[in-house]
Amino acid sequence: MSLACLRLGYLPLIDAAPLIVAEELGFAAEEGLALDLTRMANWSQVRDMLAMGAIEAAHMLVPMPVAQRMGLGPATPDFDLLMVLSQGGQAIAVSAALAARLRAVGHGFGFDDPAAARDALAAVVSGPLVVGVPFPFSTQAELVRRFVALSPLAAQITIRTVPPPQMAAALASGEVDAFCVGEPWASHAVETAAGALLVAGRAIWQAAPEKGLVVTHRFAETRPEETARLIRALWRACRWLDGPENRATAAEILARADYLNLPPELCERGLLGRLHISAAGDIRPCPGFIRFHEGAANFPWRSLAALLARGIAEAQGLDPVAAMAAAKAAFRTDLYRAALRPMGAELPAASSRIEGALREATPARAEDGTMILGPDAFFDGATFDPDFQTC
């Protein structure tokens, strides 16, 4: 059987694993697809290549199609998010100089207490704080804003865009004082002694959506069969990746020269949830640091689109109601359900929910019976109801 070839773009991060594993382990071939994977340098390139048709689909920051549907950035065809590929996988890091100051005031770098980390950082920062994120419209930017929101740091930070592979160098040179980035680039900064890890993204937001599978709206509407096959192939890869016994194998695959081109041990840290927080080798276990499938992690909740849109609208001075409506249209719960229903996949009964309401795994209504939703709480106790816009 001849395979239909689809060109997919990705950035070299451990959360690109679903695309890479789908091709390497045959999940794509089982769906009649061959994935031509192209490594890219930054998120603007991914966006532009998708817009011009140079690639058919992309591994993309979840807030990017939200911002694009809101009319932010260059004019491009409408983007659709077909599924979420990963939750978590990010860390906030500080420079070696800031880390030394934090240790001097007794901060223990527990990695799992955002409030303690935030308050300690506020105590040692007296002036501006420049924080690197991979893109203006990113989960990382959302995490940074939420992390500092209830402290004096909120008035001191400047957010600057830095491509993920350049974060360690930016920290070492003083271009940024801190950053929030996906693995393995936070660990790379530790490995090069540029800085220390301060707090995990999952500690700030337990279900922080990191990457999604994104296509143009035209592709989704005119090539429905290939769209469904692609959703199924990546869903299978995500399910495989959440088998703990498979994470070390995934690290070996990702580390290859064709993909991340890094030592497997560096890729393993985030995948296994054992993070080195300093160059001295201090290790912090972080169970569930990144999740690819369990707890309905792949479902493209429209309430999530609304939450992200409202945050972006507030930051940009735009109408949040119009922003939320535009963003919800981009999250294709209809295509996700249609592709996976024949496989017997667990599918939520609703397409929206109250975001941030679950502090532990919780049973919920499914299309066929019940299913388990993963925890999604924010560390500050906030919740978001898309019907009432509470926070």
Protein backbone atom coordinates (compact mmCIF):
# COMPACT_ATOMS: atom_id res chain seq x y z
CA MET A 1 0.00 0.00 0.00
CA SER A 2 1.37 3.41 -0.93
CA LEU A 3 1.44 5.93 1.89
CA ALA A 4 0.16 9.48 1.65
CA CYS A 5 3.00 11.86 2.55
CA LEU A 6 2.34 14.79 4.86
CA ARG A 7 4.96 17.41 5.71
CA LEU A 8 5.03 18.32 9.40
CA GLY A 9 7.08 21.03 11.10
CA TYR A 10 8.38 20.89 14.66
CA LEU A 11 10.82 22.53 17.04
CA PRO A 12 13.46 20.37 18.79
CA LEU A 13 11.75 19.82 22.15
CA ILE A 14 10.78 16.67 24.01
CA ASP A 15 7.13 17.50 23.36
CA ALA A 16 7.74 16.93 19.64
CA ALA A 17 7.80 13.25 20.59
CA PRO A 18 4.28 12.42 19.29
CA LEU A 19 5.23 13.40 15.73
CA ILE A 20 8.59 11.64 15.86
CA VAL A 21 7.28 8.49 17.53
CA ALA A 22 4.30 8.31 15.16
CA GLU A 23 6.70 8.10 12.22
CA GLU A 24 9.49 6.05 13.80
CA LEU A 25 7.28 3.37 15.42
CA GLY A 26 4.82 2.99 12.56
CA PHE A 27 1.67 4.58 14.00
CA ALA A 28 1.51 6.86 10.98
CA ALA A 29 2.07 3.98 8.56
CA GLU A 30 -0.78 2.07 10.20
CA GLU A 31 -3.00 4.98 9.19
CA GLY A 32 -1.64 5.05 5.64
CA LEU A 33 0.59 8.07 6.21
CA ALA A 34 4.28 8.86 5.83
CA LEU A 35 5.34 11.88 7.89
CA ASP A 36 8.06 14.09 6.41
CA LEU A 37 9.32 15.81 9.57
CA THR A 38 11.12 19.15 9.26
CA ARG A 39 13.02 20.65 12.20
CA MET A 40 12.64 24.42 12.41
CA ALA A 41 14.48 27.22 14.17
CA ASN A 42 11.70 29.21 15.85
CA TRP A 43 7.93 29.51 16.16
CA SER A 44 7.60 32.31 13.64
CA GLN A 45 9.09 30.00 11.02
CA VAL A 46 6.64 27.24 11.93
CA ARG A 47 3.72 29.67 11.62
CA ASP A 48 4.90 31.09 8.30
CA MET A 49 5.68 27.69 6.75
CA LEU A 50 2.20 26.43 7.66
CA ALA A 51 0.55 29.58 6.34
CA MET A 52 2.28 29.39 2.96
CA GLY A 53 1.59 25.66 2.51
CA ALA A 54 5.22 24.56 2.77
CA ILE A 55 4.07 22.11 5.47
CA GLU A 56 0.64 20.55 5.94
CA ALA A 57 0.64 20.41 9.75
CA ALA A 58 2.66 21.64 12.68
CA HIS A 59 3.64 20.94 16.26
CA MET A 60 2.75 24.39 17.62
CA LEU A 61 2.35 26.27 20.88
CA VAL A 62 -1.31 25.95 21.86
CA PRO A 63 -1.89 29.74 22.23
CA MET A 64 -0.56 30.47 18.72
CA PRO A 65 -3.71 29.48 16.77
CA VAL A 66 -5.74 31.33 19.42
CA ALA A 67 -3.82 34.56 18.79
CA GLN A 68 -3.94 33.99 15.04
CA ARG A 69 -7.74 33.67 15.10
CA MET A 70 -7.81 36.93 17.09
CA GLY A 71 -6.03 38.70 14.23
CA LEU A 72 -2.71 39.10 16.03
CA GLY A 73 0.51 38.76 14.03
CA PRO A 74 0.84 38.69 10.24
CA ALA A 75 -2.20 37.94 8.10
CA THR A 76 -2.39 34.19 7.50
CA PRO A 77 -5.08 31.67 6.60
CA ASP A 78 -7.14 30.56 9.61
CA PHE A 79 -5.46 27.88 11.74
CA ASP A 80 -7.31 24.97 13.39
CA LEU A 81 -6.06 23.08 16.44
CA LEU A 82 -6.99 19.41 16.01
CA MET A 83 -5.72 18.05 19.33
CA VAL A 84 -3.44 18.85 22.25
CA LEU A 85 -0.16 16.92 22.00
CA SER A 86 1.22 17.52 25.49
CA GLN A 87 0.63 19.11 28.87
CA GLY A 88 3.42 20.48 31.04
CA GLY A 89 7.09 19.91 30.25
CA GLN A 90 8.13 23.50 31.03
CA ALA A 91 10.31 24.96 33.78
CA ILE A 92 11.18 28.43 34.99
CA ALA A 93 14.93 28.92 35.43
CA VAL A 94 16.98 31.78 36.88
CA SER A 95 20.52 32.92 36.14
CA ALA A 96 23.45 31.64 38.16
CA ALA A 97 23.73 35.04 39.84
CA LEU A 98 20.07 35.06 40.87
CA ALA A 99 20.34 31.44 42.03
CA ALA A 100 23.23 32.41 44.31
CA ARG A 101 21.18 35.24 45.81
CA LEU A 102 18.24 32.90 46.38
CA ARG A 103 20.42 30.39 48.18
CA ALA A 104 21.86 33.19 50.32
CA VAL A 105 18.37 33.99 51.65
CA GLY A 106 17.69 30.32 52.34
CA HIS A 107 15.54 29.30 49.37
CA GLY A 108 15.69 25.52 49.02
CA PHE A 109 14.81 25.17 45.30
CA GLY A 110 12.06 22.67 46.02
CA PHE A 111 10.82 22.99 42.40
CA ASP A 112 7.20 22.28 43.39
CA ASP A 113 6.13 25.37 45.40
CA PRO A 114 5.45 28.34 43.12
CA ALA A 115 4.37 30.67 45.93
CA ALA A 116 7.57 30.10 47.90
CA ALA A 117 9.69 30.46 44.75
CA ARG A 118 7.90 33.66 43.73
CA ASP A 119 8.22 35.24 47.18
CA ALA A 120 11.90 34.34 47.43
CA LEU A 121 12.56 35.79 43.99
CA ALA A 122 10.72 38.99 44.88
CA ALA A 123 12.93 39.32 47.96
CA VAL A 124 16.18 39.27 45.96
CA VAL A 125 15.15 41.26 42.85
CA SER A 126 15.22 45.01 43.38
CA GLY A 127 14.97 46.27 39.80
CA PRO A 128 13.78 45.14 36.38
CA LEU A 129 13.57 41.40 35.67
CA VAL A 130 13.84 40.27 32.04
CA VAL A 131 12.22 36.89 31.45
CA GLY A 132 12.66 34.91 28.24
CA VAL A 133 9.78 32.97 26.67
CA PRO A 134 9.77 31.19 23.29
CA PHE A 135 7.00 33.29 21.73
CA PRO A 136 4.80 36.22 22.79
CA PHE A 137 1.68 34.02 22.53
CA SER A 138 2.81 30.94 24.42
CA THR A 139 1.91 28.82 27.41
CA GLN A 140 5.22 29.94 28.88
CA ALA A 141 4.14 33.60 28.77
CA GLU A 142 0.86 32.63 30.46
CA LEU A 143 2.73 30.71 33.17
CA VAL A 144 5.12 33.61 33.85
CA ARG A 145 2.27 36.13 34.13
CA ARG A 146 0.34 33.87 36.50
CA PHE A 147 3.46 33.08 38.54
CA VAL A 148 4.18 36.76 39.30
CA ALA A 149 0.61 38.12 39.30
CA LEU A 150 0.19 38.44 43.07
CA SER A 151 3.62 39.87 43.86
CA PRO A 152 5.69 43.02 43.30
CA LEU A 153 7.42 41.16 40.46
CA ALA A 154 4.37 41.79 38.27
CA ALA A 155 5.44 45.44 37.90
CA GLN A 156 9.11 44.57 37.38
CA ILE A 157 9.13 41.98 34.60
CA THR A 158 9.74 42.45 30.93
CA ILE A 159 8.99 39.45 28.73
CA ARG A 160 11.37 38.87 25.83
CA THR A 161 11.15 36.31 23.01
CA VAL A 162 14.06 33.87 22.74
CA PRO A 163 14.03 30.67 20.61
CA PRO A 164 14.19 27.60 22.89
CA PRO A 165 17.65 26.35 21.81
CA GLN A 166 19.09 29.82 22.56
CA MET A 167 17.70 30.15 26.11
CA ALA A 168 20.84 28.93 27.90
CA ALA A 169 23.07 31.31 25.95
CA ALA A 170 20.69 34.22 26.61
CA LEU A 171 20.77 33.44 30.33
CA ALA A 172 24.57 33.09 30.41
CA SER A 173 25.12 36.37 28.53
CA GLY A 174 22.74 38.37 30.70
CA GLU A 175 20.30 39.02 27.87
CA VAL A 176 17.64 37.59 30.19
CA ASP A 177 17.63 37.13 33.97
CA ALA A 178 15.27 34.17 33.90
CA PHE A 179 13.26 32.15 31.42
CA CYS A 180 10.38 29.73 31.02
CA VAL A 181 10.91 27.08 28.36
CA GLY A 182 10.10 23.49 27.48
CA GLU A 183 12.50 20.65 28.01
CA PRO A 184 15.26 19.80 27.24
CA TRP A 185 16.31 23.45 26.99
CA ALA A 186 15.78 24.24 30.67
CA SER A 187 18.02 21.29 31.52
CA HIS A 188 20.52 22.47 28.91
CA ALA A 189 20.92 25.71 30.88
CA VAL A 190 21.64 23.70 34.02
CA GLU A 191 24.08 21.46 32.16
CA THR A 192 26.03 24.49 30.90
CA ALA A 193 25.95 26.10 34.40
CA ALA A 194 24.07 29.11 33.00
CA GLY A 195 21.42 28.88 35.70
CA ALA A 196 19.25 26.80 38.01
CA LEU A 197 15.68 25.51 37.76
CA LEU A 198 13.28 27.35 40.05
CA VAL A 199 9.83 25.84 39.54
CA ALA A 200 8.05 23.39 37.23
CA GLY A 201 5.32 24.61 34.91
CA ARG A 202 3.02 21.84 36.17
CA ALA A 203 3.33 23.26 39.71
CA ILE A 204 1.86 26.55 38.46
CA TRP A 205 -0.87 25.01 36.29
CA GLN A 206 -1.39 21.27 36.54
CA ALA A 207 -2.77 20.93 33.02
CA ALA A 208 -0.81 23.65 31.24
CA PRO A 209 -1.40 22.87 27.53
CA GLU A 210 1.93 23.02 25.77
CA LYS A 211 1.79 21.93 22.12
CA GLY A 212 -1.02 21.16 19.73
CA LEU A 213 -1.44 19.63 16.30
CA VAL A 214 -2.31 22.56 14.02
CA VAL A 215 -3.37 22.71 10.36
CA THR A 216 -4.95 25.40 8.24
CA HIS A 217 -8.73 25.51 8.29
CA ARG A 218 -8.70 24.90 4.55
CA PHE A 219 -6.68 21.71 4.96
CA ALA A 220 -9.04 20.39 7.64
CA GLU A 221 -12.09 21.10 5.49
CA THR A 222 -10.79 19.95 2.09
CA ARG A 223 -8.75 16.91 3.19
CA PRO A 224 -10.91 15.35 5.90
CA GLU A 225 -9.67 11.78 5.48
CA GLU A 226 -6.00 12.71 5.89
CA THR A 227 -6.93 14.96 8.81
CA ALA A 228 -8.65 12.07 10.59
CA ARG A 229 -5.75 9.71 9.89
CA LEU A 230 -3.27 12.23 11.27
CA ILE A 231 -5.30 12.69 14.47
CA ARG A 232 -5.47 8.92 14.99
CA ALA A 233 -1.75 8.38 14.32
CA LEU A 234 -0.67 11.05 16.79
CA TRP A 235 -3.26 9.99 19.36
CA ARG A 236 -1.78 6.47 19.25
CA ALA A 237 1.72 7.89 19.62
CA CYS A 238 0.62 9.99 22.61
CA ARG A 239 -0.97 6.94 24.24
CA TRP A 240 2.27 4.97 23.76
CA LEU A 241 4.34 7.81 25.17
CA ASP A 242 2.38 7.82 28.43
CA GLY A 243 3.45 4.24 29.13
CA PRO A 244 6.20 4.73 31.76
CA GLU A 245 8.06 1.76 30.32
CA ASN A 246 8.33 3.60 26.98
CA ARG A 247 9.84 6.90 28.12
CA ALA A 248 13.51 5.79 28.03
CA THR A 249 13.04 4.43 24.50
CA ALA A 250 11.43 7.72 23.49
CA ALA A 251 14.44 9.61 24.83
CA GLU A 252 16.79 7.49 22.73
CA ILE A 253 14.74 8.20 19.60
CA LEU A 254 14.45 11.93 20.26
CA ALA A 255 18.18 12.28 20.94
CA ARG A 256 19.15 11.16 17.42
CA ALA A 257 20.98 13.61 15.17
CA ASP A 258 17.96 13.88 12.85
CA TYR A 259 15.79 15.15 15.70
CA LEU A 260 17.06 16.89 18.87
CA ASN A 261 20.74 15.95 18.39
CA LEU A 262 21.41 15.89 22.12
CA PRO A 263 22.64 13.30 24.66
CA PRO A 264 19.81 10.86 25.51
CA GLU A 265 20.37 11.56 29.22
CA LEU A 266 19.42 15.21 28.67
CA CYS A 267 16.21 14.20 26.90
CA GLU A 268 15.40 11.68 29.63
CA ARG A 269 15.23 14.18 32.47
CA GLY A 270 11.91 15.71 31.50
CA LEU A 271 10.45 12.49 30.13
CA LEU A 272 11.22 10.56 33.32
CA GLY A 273 10.39 13.44 35.65
CA ARG A 274 13.83 13.55 37.31
CA LEU A 275 15.13 17.07 36.90
CA HIS A 276 18.62 18.28 37.79
CA ILE A 277 17.93 21.71 39.21
CA SER A 278 21.56 22.87 39.48
CA ALA A 279 24.96 22.20 37.93
CA ALA A 280 25.93 20.53 41.23
CA GLY A 281 23.60 17.69 40.27
CA ASP A 282 20.77 18.31 42.77
CA ILE A 283 17.85 16.16 41.59
CA ARG A 284 14.15 16.81 42.13
CA PRO A 285 11.61 14.10 41.32
CA CYS A 286 8.68 15.61 39.45
CA PRO A 287 6.04 12.94 38.74
CA GLY A 288 3.85 13.87 35.81
CA PHE A 289 6.23 16.60 34.68
CA ILE A 290 4.97 16.06 31.12
CA ARG A 291 1.82 14.25 30.06
CA PHE A 292 0.99 13.20 26.52
CA HIS A 293 -2.31 11.31 26.85
CA GLU A 294 -3.65 10.32 30.27
CA GLY A 295 -6.56 12.18 31.83
CA ALA A 296 -7.98 13.39 28.49
CA ALA A 297 -4.81 15.40 27.88
CA ASN A 298 -5.37 15.35 24.10
CA PHE A 299 -8.89 16.76 24.08
CA PRO A 300 -9.09 20.30 22.55
CA TRP A 301 -11.41 21.84 25.14
CA ARG A 302 -13.15 24.95 23.80
CA SER A 303 -13.12 26.35 27.33
CA LEU A 304 -9.33 26.19 27.18
CA ALA A 305 -9.37 28.22 23.95
CA ALA A 306 -11.58 30.79 25.68
CA LEU A 307 -9.30 30.98 28.73
CA LEU A 308 -6.22 31.60 26.62
CA ALA A 309 -8.03 34.09 24.41
CA ARG A 310 -9.24 36.11 27.37
CA GLY A 311 -5.72 36.35 28.79
CA ILE A 312 -4.29 37.46 25.45
CA ALA A 313 -7.13 39.95 24.91
CA GLU A 314 -6.56 41.52 28.31
CA ALA A 315 -2.83 41.85 27.64
CA GLN A 316 -3.46 43.37 24.19
CA GLY A 317 -6.39 45.64 25.12
CA LEU A 318 -8.87 43.75 22.90
CA ASP A 319 -12.52 42.81 23.38
CA PRO A 320 -12.42 39.53 25.35
CA VAL A 321 -15.89 38.37 24.27
CA ALA A 322 -15.05 38.56 20.56
CA ALA A 323 -11.64 37.02 21.23
CA MET A 324 -13.12 34.03 23.05
CA ALA A 325 -15.67 33.38 20.30
CA ALA A 326 -12.98 33.46 17.60
CA ALA A 327 -10.67 31.19 19.58
CA LYS A 328 -13.30 28.56 20.37
CA ALA A 329 -13.97 28.13 16.65
CA ALA A 330 -10.33 27.12 16.14
CA PHE A 331 -10.42 24.17 18.58
CA ARG A 332 -11.88 21.37 16.47
CA THR A 333 -13.60 19.13 18.98
CA ASP A 334 -15.86 18.00 16.12
CA LEU A 335 -12.99 16.61 14.05
CA TYR A 336 -11.30 15.07 17.11
CA ARG A 337 -14.50 13.23 18.05
CA ALA A 338 -15.21 12.07 14.49
CA ALA A 339 -11.68 10.71 14.04
CA LEU A 340 -11.47 8.83 17.35
CA ARG A 341 -15.04 7.70 17.99
CA PRO A 342 -14.71 4.67 15.64
CA MET A 343 -11.65 3.56 17.66
CA GLY A 344 -13.62 3.45 20.88
CA ALA A 345 -11.55 6.24 22.42
CA GLU A 346 -12.87 7.84 25.59
CA LEU A 347 -14.49 11.16 24.68
CA PRO A 348 -15.90 13.74 27.11
CA ALA A 349 -19.64 14.30 26.96
CA ALA A 350 -19.11 18.08 26.83
CA SER A 351 -16.69 20.23 24.84
CA SER A 352 -16.25 22.87 27.55
CA ARG A 353 -15.71 22.73 31.30
CA ILE A 354 -14.74 24.93 34.23
CA GLU A 355 -10.97 25.24 33.83
CA GLY A 356 -8.84 24.90 36.96
CA ALA A 357 -11.50 23.13 39.04
CA LEU A 358 -9.85 19.72 39.46
CA ARG A 359 -7.11 19.20 42.05
CA GLU A 360 -6.94 15.44 41.50
CA ALA A 361 -7.96 12.87 38.90
CA THR A 362 -11.77 12.95 38.76
CA PRO A 363 -14.49 10.83 37.08
CA ALA A 364 -16.55 12.71 34.50
CA ARG A 365 -19.30 11.96 32.03
CA ALA A 366 -18.14 10.54 28.71
CA GLU A 367 -19.99 9.91 25.47
CA ASP A 368 -20.14 6.28 26.51
CA GLY A 369 -20.18 5.98 30.30
CA THR A 370 -17.54 7.69 32.41
CA MET A 371 -13.90 8.63 32.05
CA ILE A 372 -11.15 10.06 34.23
CA LEU A 373 -10.06 13.68 33.77
CA GLY A 374 -6.62 14.67 35.01
CA PRO A 375 -6.01 17.44 37.56
CA ASP A 376 -5.97 20.94 36.07
CA ALA A 377 -5.76 23.29 39.07
CA PHE A 378 -3.88 26.60 39.17
CA PHE A 379 -1.58 27.14 42.14
CA ASP A 380 -3.37 30.40 43.01
CA GLY A 381 -6.77 28.67 43.25
CA ALA A 382 -8.28 30.47 40.26
CA THR A 383 -10.97 28.91 38.09
CA PHE A 384 -12.38 29.94 34.73
CA ASP A 385 -15.98 29.35 33.66
CA PRO A 386 -16.36 30.16 29.94
CA ASP A 387 -20.06 30.88 30.40
CA PHE A 388 -19.54 33.46 33.13
CA GLN A 389 -15.89 34.51 32.52
CA THR A 390 -14.95 34.14 36.15
CA CYS A 391 -11.35 33.71 37.23
